[in-house]
C-alpha cells in the first residue's frame, strides 16, 4: 500500500542513484563487510553502481533532503501480486525525480556563477577565458544524464529569468543545433560562447523596462533593442573573444527579411553563428514565462516558429532544429485541453507540432494531425 511519510531516509534502487546523494547507513555485503560507510556522498555514480552490482546489492538507503516528502511503496506486496510493470515504472519515475532535483541544484549554482561573471563584465573588470569557459562547461555538464536536454529545460522554467538563465538555456540549445549541423568543434566553441554572452548588455537596461507587463513605449522598445549594442560594447575589449563571437552577439536579433535590429541586415549578410543563436533565442523566449505573457509549450513554440518565422529565420537551420527537437519529446507525458493525460509516441516531419499521442491507461492512439482531432490541443508538459 502506498504511504506518504516524512522520513530521514528513503530506500531506492541503485539505478536511481545520482551524484550528490548521501548514504543513510553503512552498505554491507553478504559477509558482513562494510562496502561503503554511512554518510558517504555519491561522487562517481557508475563506480558505486558497479561495486553494488558486483555484490548483488539492488537497493540502498539515502538521506532525505530537508522538507522532502517520501512516497514509500510496499515492493514485497507488489511482487507478490506480480505488479512488476508497476515496480519498473515507479523506479524509473523515482530515478527521474532524483535526477531532476540534482540537476536543478547544479543549474542554480552555475547560474549564480554566470551572474557574477556578467557583473564583472559590466564593471569592465578582468574576466578570463578560463572563467567563462568553466561556466560554459559546468552548464553543459549539468545537462548530461538520462533525461533529454529539452525535457530538462521544461523542468527549469520556474528558475528562468530574462538574463542569466535565459543565456544559459540559449547556450545549451545553440550547442545542440551546432551538433545537429555537424559544425566543427572550434566553431561550436565560438557558438556557445556567443550564446552565453548575448544578453550581458541587458544589465544596462532598466529592470522596470525588462519587467514591464504593459506594452512598451517606442523609447522603451528602442532601449530594450539597444541591449545588443550594449553587449557588443561590453565585450569588444576582451582579446580572447574573437570577432565571429562579437558579431553574433551584436546581430542575433537580425532577421532574414530585414525586420530585425540593430542594422536591419538581410539574408546572407547575417553571420552563421548569429542565425543559429537567433533560433535558440526565439525558441527559449517563447517557452519561458515573461512579465507580459505566459510561456508557450514546446509544441506551441514549434507551431509559431513554423508559421510566423518562416521569413525571419534561416529556414535550412530552422528545419534541422525543428525536425530534431520534435523527436526529443517522444516519451514525454503531456496534458490535453480536455484534461486527459497522454504520452507522445510519434512526431511526423510535417506539422511537427501535431504529434501522435497515446492516452494514459486506455492506450488509445490519437493522431493530432488529422482533421477530426483538430480541436484537441496539448496544453501542458508533465
Protein backbone atom coordinates (compact mmCIF):
# COMPACT_ATOMS: atom_id res chain seq x y z
CA UNK A 1 0.00 0.00 0.00
CA UNK A 2 1.32 3.47 -0.89
CA UNK A 3 2.01 5.77 2.01
CA UNK A 4 3.26 9.35 2.25
CA UNK A 5 5.76 9.71 5.09
CA UNK A 6 8.26 12.26 6.42
CA UNK A 7 11.43 10.27 7.00
CA UNK A 8 15.15 10.70 7.46
CA UNK A 9 15.89 8.25 4.67
CA UNK A 10 14.35 6.58 1.67
CA UNK A 11 15.21 3.28 0.06
CA UNK A 12 15.88 3.43 -3.66
CA UNK A 13 17.09 1.15 -6.45
CA UNK A 14 20.75 1.60 -7.28
CA UNK A 15 19.70 2.65 -10.80
CA UNK A 16 18.08 5.71 -9.19
CA UNK A 17 21.35 6.89 -7.60
CA UNK A 18 22.56 10.29 -8.75
CA UNK A 19 25.58 12.40 -7.96
CA UNK A 20 25.30 14.33 -4.69
CA UNK A 21 23.11 11.81 -2.82
CA UNK A 22 24.32 10.80 0.65
CA UNK A 23 24.03 7.26 2.03
CA UNK A 24 21.93 6.95 5.19
CA UNK A 25 23.71 3.96 6.71
CA UNK A 26 26.54 1.52 6.01
CA UNK A 27 26.24 -0.61 2.91
CA UNK A 28 27.16 -4.13 3.98
CA UNK A 29 27.79 -7.19 1.81
CA UNK A 30 26.65 -10.75 2.46
CA UNK A 31 29.75 -11.43 4.58
CA UNK A 32 29.09 -8.50 6.92
CA UNK A 33 31.85 -6.31 5.48
CA UNK A 34 31.22 -2.58 5.11
CA UNK A 35 31.47 -1.72 1.42
CA UNK A 36 30.58 1.94 1.76
CA UNK A 37 30.29 3.77 5.10
CA UNK A 38 27.23 5.73 6.17
CA UNK A 39 27.01 9.43 5.19
CA UNK A 40 29.19 8.88 2.11
CA UNK A 41 28.27 11.38 -0.61
CA UNK A 42 27.93 9.81 -4.04
CA UNK A 43 30.50 11.35 -6.40
CA UNK A 44 31.15 8.72 -9.07
CA UNK A 45 27.75 7.14 -9.69
CA UNK A 46 28.90 4.48 -12.15
CA UNK A 47 31.72 3.34 -9.87
CA UNK A 48 29.33 2.97 -6.92
CA UNK A 49 26.72 1.15 -9.01
CA UNK A 50 29.31 -1.28 -10.37
CA UNK A 51 30.53 -2.03 -6.83
CA UNK A 52 27.00 -2.66 -5.56
CA UNK A 53 26.06 -4.80 -8.55
CA UNK A 54 29.20 -6.88 -8.04
CA UNK A 55 27.98 -7.68 -4.51
CA UNK A 56 24.38 -8.30 -5.66
CA UNK A 57 23.04 -5.26 -3.80
CA UNK A 58 20.00 -3.86 -5.60
CA UNK A 59 18.73 -1.21 -3.18
CA UNK A 60 20.26 1.26 -0.69
CA UNK A 61 19.04 3.85 1.79
CA UNK A 62 19.84 7.52 1.10
CA UNK A 63 19.38 10.61 3.26
CA UNK A 64 16.18 12.54 2.62
CA UNK A 65 16.67 16.24 1.97
CA UNK A 66 15.02 18.83 4.19
CA UNK A 67 11.27 19.19 3.56
CA UNK A 68 11.31 16.30 1.08
CA UNK A 69 8.19 14.16 1.05
CA UNK A 70 8.83 10.47 0.50
CA UNK A 71 6.46 8.17 -1.29
CA UNK A 72 7.16 4.67 0.02
CA UNK A 73 5.85 1.63 -1.80
CA UNK A 74 5.34 -1.87 -0.48
CA UNK A 75 7.55 -3.59 -3.07
CA UNK A 76 7.20 -7.02 -1.45
CA UNK A 77 3.44 -6.89 -1.79
CA UNK A 78 3.71 -5.61 -5.34
CA UNK A 79 5.99 -8.53 -6.20
CA UNK A 80 3.55 -10.98 -4.60
CA UNK A 81 0.80 -9.56 -6.81
CA UNK A 82 3.01 -9.75 -9.87
CA UNK A 83 3.00 -5.98 -10.38
CA UNK A 84 6.46 -5.98 -11.99
CA UNK A 85 5.49 -3.38 -14.59
CA UNK A 86 4.31 -1.03 -11.86
CA UNK A 87 7.56 -1.58 -9.93
CA UNK A 88 9.64 -0.79 -13.02
CA UNK A 89 7.58 2.30 -13.83
CA UNK A 90 7.88 3.57 -10.26
CA UNK A 91 11.65 3.01 -10.19
CA UNK A 92 12.02 4.93 -13.44
CA UNK A 93 9.84 7.74 -12.08
CA UNK A 94 11.88 7.95 -8.87
CA UNK A 95 15.13 7.99 -10.83
CA UNK A 96 13.84 10.83 -12.98
CA UNK A 97 12.74 12.80 -9.91
CA UNK A 98 16.15 12.38 -8.30
CA UNK A 99 17.97 13.37 -11.47
CA UNK A 100 15.83 16.48 -11.88
CA UNK A 101 16.43 17.51 -8.26
CA UNK A 102 20.18 17.10 -8.66
CA UNK A 103 20.14 18.95 -11.99
CA UNK A 104 18.17 21.87 -10.57
CA UNK A 105 20.79 22.46 -7.88
CA UNK A 106 23.71 22.25 -10.33
CA UNK A 107 21.91 24.59 -12.73
CA UNK A 108 21.20 27.14 -9.98
CA UNK A 109 24.82 27.05 -8.79
CA UNK A 110 26.06 27.66 -12.33
CA UNK A 111 23.51 30.45 -12.81
CA UNK A 112 24.99 32.23 -9.79
CA UNK A 113 28.46 31.96 -11.36
CA UNK A 114 27.15 33.34 -14.65
CA UNK A 115 25.62 36.31 -12.84
CA UNK A 116 28.93 37.11 -11.12
CA UNK A 117 30.71 36.94 -14.47
CA UNK A 118 28.17 39.28 -16.07
CA UNK A 119 28.53 41.75 -13.22
CA UNK A 120 32.31 41.74 -13.66
CA UNK A 121 31.96 42.41 -17.40
CA UNK A 122 29.51 45.24 -16.63
CA UNK A 123 32.16 46.87 -14.46
CA UNK A 124 34.80 46.40 -17.15
CA UNK A 125 36.71 44.17 -14.78
CA UNK A 126 39.15 41.39 -15.56
CA UNK A 127 37.39 38.28 -16.79
CA UNK A 128 39.49 35.40 -18.05
CA UNK A 129 38.72 33.00 -20.86
CA UNK A 130 39.09 30.14 -18.36
CA UNK A 131 36.37 31.62 -16.10
CA UNK A 132 33.87 31.91 -18.93
CA UNK A 133 34.83 28.50 -20.34
CA UNK A 134 34.36 26.99 -16.88
CA UNK A 135 30.80 28.36 -16.66
CA UNK A 136 30.05 27.02 -20.13
CA UNK A 137 31.40 23.55 -19.30
CA UNK A 138 29.53 23.45 -15.99
CA UNK A 139 26.27 24.33 -17.74
CA UNK A 140 26.73 21.75 -20.49
CA UNK A 141 27.78 19.09 -17.97
CA UNK A 142 24.62 19.80 -15.95
CA UNK A 143 22.55 18.50 -18.86
CA UNK A 144 24.42 15.20 -19.16
CA UNK A 145 22.13 12.48 -17.89
CA UNK A 146 19.39 10.11 -18.93
CA UNK A 147 16.81 12.88 -19.34
CA UNK A 148 16.64 14.72 -22.65
CA UNK A 149 18.13 18.25 -22.70
CA UNK A 150 14.90 19.85 -23.93
CA UNK A 151 12.76 17.99 -21.41
CA UNK A 152 15.09 19.17 -18.64
CA UNK A 153 14.75 22.75 -19.87
CA UNK A 154 10.99 22.45 -19.42
CA UNK A 155 11.54 21.37 -15.81
CA UNK A 156 13.59 24.53 -15.19
CA UNK A 157 11.20 27.21 -16.41
CA UNK A 158 10.38 28.33 -12.89
CA UNK A 159 14.05 29.25 -12.48
CA UNK A 160 14.21 31.08 -15.81
CA UNK A 161 14.84 34.80 -15.93
CA UNK A 162 15.31 37.35 -18.68
CA UNK A 163 19.11 37.45 -18.43
CA UNK A 164 21.12 34.75 -16.66
CA UNK A 165 19.11 31.53 -17.02
CA UNK A 166 17.96 32.65 -20.46
CA UNK A 167 21.59 32.96 -21.59
CA UNK A 168 22.38 29.50 -20.21
CA UNK A 169 19.35 27.97 -21.92
CA UNK A 170 20.12 29.62 -25.25
CA UNK A 171 23.68 28.37 -24.96
CA UNK A 172 22.56 24.76 -24.43
CA UNK A 173 20.05 24.94 -27.29
CA UNK A 174 22.65 26.53 -29.58
CA UNK A 175 25.09 23.77 -28.66
CA UNK A 176 22.51 21.15 -29.71
CA UNK A 177 21.87 22.91 -33.02
CA UNK A 178 25.60 23.17 -33.69
CA UNK A 179 25.96 19.42 -33.11
CA UNK A 180 22.98 18.69 -35.37
CA UNK A 181 24.56 20.82 -38.11
CA UNK A 182 27.84 18.88 -37.73
CA UNK A 183 29.82 22.05 -37.10
CA UNK A 184 33.50 21.68 -36.27
CA UNK A 185 34.37 21.73 -32.57
CA UNK A 186 36.18 25.06 -32.83
CA UNK A 187 33.12 26.70 -34.37
CA UNK A 188 30.83 25.14 -31.74
CA UNK A 189 33.04 26.63 -29.04
CA UNK A 190 32.57 30.08 -30.59
CA UNK A 191 28.84 29.40 -30.93
CA UNK A 192 28.27 28.53 -27.27
CA UNK A 193 30.36 31.46 -26.05
CA UNK A 194 28.32 33.76 -28.30
CA UNK A 195 25.09 32.40 -26.84
CA UNK A 196 26.36 32.78 -23.28
CA UNK A 197 27.11 36.48 -23.87
CA UNK A 198 24.14 37.61 -25.96
CA UNK A 199 22.25 39.30 -23.13
CA UNK A 200 25.05 40.65 -20.95
CA UNK A 201 24.01 44.12 -22.19
CA UNK A 202 20.58 43.75 -20.57
CA UNK A 203 22.30 44.63 -17.32
CA UNK A 204 22.43 48.21 -18.66
CA UNK A 205 18.70 48.24 -19.40
CA UNK A 206 16.37 49.35 -16.61
CA UNK A 207 14.70 46.44 -14.81
CA UNK A 208 11.48 48.46 -14.98
CA UNK A 209 11.59 48.10 -18.77
CA UNK A 210 12.60 44.44 -18.74
CA UNK A 211 9.86 43.52 -16.27
CA UNK A 212 7.10 45.79 -17.60
CA UNK A 213 3.79 44.00 -18.13
CA UNK A 214 2.23 46.69 -20.30
CA UNK A 215 3.11 47.46 -23.89
CA UNK A 216 6.46 49.27 -24.16
CA UNK A 217 6.58 52.82 -25.45
CA UNK A 218 8.65 53.49 -28.58
CA UNK A 219 11.50 54.85 -26.46
CA UNK A 220 11.37 51.87 -24.09
CA UNK A 221 11.36 49.44 -27.01
CA UNK A 222 14.37 51.18 -28.53
CA UNK A 223 16.22 50.99 -25.22
CA UNK A 224 15.40 47.27 -24.97
CA UNK A 225 16.69 46.75 -28.52
CA UNK A 226 19.88 48.56 -27.58
CA UNK A 227 20.91 45.61 -25.39
CA UNK A 228 22.62 44.05 -28.43
CA UNK A 229 24.82 47.13 -28.86
CA UNK A 230 25.45 47.33 -25.12
CA UNK A 231 26.51 43.66 -25.13
CA UNK A 232 28.89 44.24 -28.02
CA UNK A 233 30.41 47.33 -26.38
CA UNK A 234 30.91 45.45 -23.12
CA UNK A 235 32.81 42.52 -24.67
CA UNK A 236 34.69 44.14 -27.55
CA UNK A 237 37.81 44.90 -25.49
CA UNK A 238 38.34 41.29 -24.38
CA UNK A 239 41.09 39.88 -26.63
CA UNK A 240 40.11 36.22 -26.15
CA UNK A 241 36.65 36.88 -27.64
CA UNK A 242 37.07 36.64 -31.42
CA UNK A 243 35.28 38.77 -33.99
CA UNK A 244 32.86 35.97 -35.00
CA UNK A 245 31.61 35.85 -31.42
CA UNK A 246 31.32 39.62 -31.14
CA UNK A 247 29.35 39.78 -34.41
CA UNK A 248 27.00 37.02 -33.27
CA UNK A 249 26.32 38.88 -30.00
CA UNK A 250 25.64 42.12 -31.87
CA UNK A 251 23.50 40.60 -34.65
CA UNK A 252 21.49 37.77 -33.06
CA UNK A 253 18.27 39.79 -33.38
CA UNK A 254 18.71 40.41 -37.11
CA UNK A 255 16.11 38.75 -39.34
CA UNK A 256 16.37 37.29 -42.84
CA UNK A 257 13.69 39.68 -44.18
CA UNK A 258 15.49 42.76 -42.81
CA UNK A 259 12.99 43.36 -39.99
CA UNK A 260 15.49 42.79 -37.19
CA UNK A 261 17.90 45.06 -35.33
CA UNK A 262 20.26 46.84 -34.84
CA UNK A 263 21.39 47.08 -38.51
CA UNK A 264 18.40 45.59 -40.38
CA UNK A 265 20.63 43.14 -42.22
CA UNK A 266 19.09 40.64 -44.65
CA UNK A 267 19.76 37.07 -45.72
CA UNK A 268 23.39 36.10 -46.15
CA UNK A 269 24.56 39.40 -44.65
CA UNK A 270 23.76 37.83 -41.28
CA UNK A 271 26.62 35.61 -39.97
CA UNK A 272 26.05 31.88 -39.40
CA UNK A 273 26.52 32.00 -35.62
CA UNK A 274 24.01 34.85 -35.30
CA UNK A 275 21.46 32.83 -37.33
CA UNK A 276 21.83 29.81 -35.07
CA UNK A 277 21.66 31.80 -31.83
CA UNK A 278 18.59 33.64 -33.17
CA UNK A 279 16.65 30.37 -33.45
CA UNK A 280 17.71 29.20 -29.98
CA UNK A 281 16.88 32.63 -28.54
CA UNK A 282 13.38 32.75 -30.05
CA UNK A 283 12.55 29.17 -29.01
CA UNK A 284 13.64 29.70 -25.42
CA UNK A 285 11.90 33.07 -25.17
CA UNK A 286 8.63 31.54 -26.41
CA UNK A 287 8.79 28.67 -23.92
CA UNK A 288 9.66 30.92 -20.94
CA UNK A 289 7.39 32.93 -18.65
CA UNK A 290 7.61 36.65 -19.29
CA UNK A 291 6.07 39.62 -17.43
CA UNK A 292 3.87 40.44 -20.41
CA UNK A 293 2.72 36.91 -21.35
CA UNK A 294 2.57 33.29 -20.23
CA UNK A 295 5.03 30.73 -21.52
CA UNK A 296 4.19 28.58 -24.53
CA UNK A 297 4.50 24.81 -24.56
CA UNK A 298 7.31 23.46 -26.78
CA UNK A 299 4.79 22.39 -29.42
CA UNK A 300 3.12 25.79 -29.39
CA UNK A 301 6.57 27.30 -29.88
CA UNK A 302 7.27 24.90 -32.76
CA UNK A 303 3.99 25.96 -34.41
CA UNK A 304 4.87 29.64 -34.04
CA UNK A 305 8.34 29.06 -35.49
CA UNK A 306 6.86 27.16 -38.45
CA UNK A 307 4.08 29.62 -39.18
CA UNK A 308 5.32 33.06 -38.08
CA UNK A 309 9.09 32.90 -38.51
CA UNK A 310 9.45 31.28 -41.95
CA UNK A 311 10.57 34.58 -43.48
CA UNK A 312 12.52 35.76 -40.45
CA UNK A 313 14.86 32.89 -39.50
CA UNK A 314 17.15 30.80 -41.68
CA UNK A 315 14.84 28.06 -42.99
CA UNK A 316 17.55 25.47 -43.56
CA UNK A 317 18.83 25.73 -39.99
CA UNK A 318 15.34 26.07 -38.53
CA UNK A 319 14.05 22.86 -40.08
CA UNK A 320 17.08 20.90 -38.90
CA UNK A 321 16.25 22.22 -35.44
CA UNK A 322 12.51 21.54 -35.64
CA UNK A 323 12.86 18.02 -37.01
CA UNK A 324 15.37 17.07 -34.34
CA UNK A 325 13.65 18.75 -31.39
CA UNK A 326 10.33 17.10 -32.20
CA UNK A 327 11.90 13.68 -31.68
CA UNK A 328 13.40 14.89 -28.38
CA UNK A 329 9.90 14.86 -26.87
CA UNK A 330 9.00 11.27 -27.74
CA UNK A 331 8.06 9.62 -24.43
CA UNK A 332 7.10 12.96 -22.88
CA UNK A 333 3.89 12.98 -20.83
CA UNK A 334 1.52 15.76 -21.75
CA UNK A 335 -1.88 17.13 -20.75
CA UNK A 336 -4.58 17.69 -23.38
CA UNK A 337 -7.14 20.50 -23.35
CA UNK A 338 -9.89 18.02 -22.43
CA UNK A 339 -7.99 17.05 -19.27
CA UNK A 340 -6.71 13.69 -20.46
CA UNK A 341 -3.10 12.66 -19.90
CA UNK A 342 -1.14 11.14 -22.76
CA UNK A 343 2.35 10.33 -23.96
CA UNK A 344 3.96 11.50 -27.21
CA UNK A 345 4.81 8.43 -29.29
CA UNK A 346 5.47 9.75 -32.82
CA UNK A 347 6.35 13.08 -34.41
CA UNK A 348 5.91 13.44 -38.18
CA UNK A 349 8.15 15.68 -40.30
CA UNK A 350 5.12 17.69 -41.42
CA UNK A 351 3.19 19.69 -38.84
CA UNK A 352 5.67 18.74 -36.13
CA UNK A 353 3.52 20.46 -33.52
CA UNK A 354 0.71 17.89 -34.05
CA UNK A 355 2.22 14.56 -32.89
CA UNK A 356 0.65 11.16 -32.33
CA UNK A 357 -0.09 10.59 -28.63
CA UNK A 358 -1.10 7.56 -26.57
CA UNK A 359 -3.74 8.06 -23.87
CA UNK A 360 -2.72 7.08 -20.36
CA UNK A 361 -4.48 3.95 -19.13
CA UNK A 362 -6.55 3.37 -22.24
CA UNK A 363 -3.59 3.01 -24.61
CA UNK A 364 -5.62 4.60 -27.43
CA UNK A 365 -3.53 6.34 -30.09
CA UNK A 366 -4.64 9.79 -31.20
CA UNK A 367 -3.14 11.46 -34.27
CA UNK A 368 -3.47 15.19 -33.57
CA UNK A 369 -2.70 15.94 -37.21
CA UNK A 370 -5.91 14.54 -38.70
CA UNK A 371 -8.96 16.83 -39.18
CA UNK A 372 -11.29 15.04 -36.73
CA UNK A 373 -8.83 15.77 -33.91
CA UNK A 374 -8.35 19.42 -34.79
CA UNK A 375 -9.98 20.59 -31.53
CA UNK A 376 -7.57 18.62 -29.33
CA UNK A 377 -4.58 20.62 -28.14
CA UNK A 378 -1.54 19.96 -25.96
CA UNK A 379 -1.81 22.43 -23.09
CA UNK A 380 0.99 21.36 -20.78
CA UNK A 381 4.03 19.14 -20.36
CA UNK A 382 4.09 16.96 -17.24
